[in-house]
Amino acid sequence: MTKLGNIQPDGIYEHLGVTDIAVQGIRPGGLQLTQRALTLSCLPPRSKVIDVGCGTGVTLEHIRLSQDHLAIGVDTSSNLLRFAKNRNRELTVVRASGEYLPLPNQFFDGLLAECSLSLMSYSDESLSEFGRVLKVGGKIILTDVYSRNPDVLDCPNDVSTKCCLRGAISKELIIRKIENNGFRVCLWEDHSDLLKDFAVRLILSYGSLNHFWLQTTPGPVNPAQIQEAVRYLKPGYFLLIGQKTALTAHLET
């Protein structure tokens, strides 16, 4: 595992952020899926793009080096933001949550949330904030875990560990929440094979998924409970691209 500086990880994502598993981001698909999403979103050159849950800044650096866009990243973890600045001092990052973005109304042309919206449990607060900072016509780009069990009606509350599984809901519910917050869904793609590949990499690195949860989760964790949640959720992975169609309600008043 690669250590970045003398920062001590706190939590699953900070732990993964200092490992070779996260060379292309702390998520399935890495930069290959990011690039596919950027290509399909057809953002014009010099677009203003925000990466919500930017982590160690892998996507921000990719946008800076390969795309002619102006990008800013936000994350709640000060440690991950320090990793990002250690990666590239030129990256622009802000410590903030998706539910409260300290950024102007209708400023961005594009918004990415790569495996981070499920950590916010698809809250109306975060989706409303996404709509507030995007211009009308702006693109929302989501990649995340979802439940392929159609009987899952809301975020499962029996997963105590803070991870994407806790926020996994069905495709139908995700689309409904996105549309209810002023977006038109332009594209949905299933990339569940990338989630399987990511799980295999965790197994090869930690010996088993049980060892992964035990070694990376702060505080007590019950791997059997997580296994039961996986059997119930039947988790998959998706790419969604949407477009903001109208001003959100609080901007119209």
Foldseek 3Di string as FASTA:
>chain_A
DAADPPDDADFQLSVVLRDPLQPQHPAFPRVVVVVVLVVVQPDDAQFEEEEEQCFQVNVVVCCVPPGNYHYEYEEQDPSRVVNNCSVPVPHHYDYDHLLDDPDQFQAGQEYEYEANCLLVLLDLSNLLSVLGNHHAFHKYKYKHKAFPQQVFDGQDPQAPFRHSLSSHYHPVVNCVSNVVNQKDWDDKDWDQVRVVVSLVVLCVVQVHVVSSCVVRTPDDHDVVSVVVSCVNRVMTMMIIMIGGHDHGPVVVD
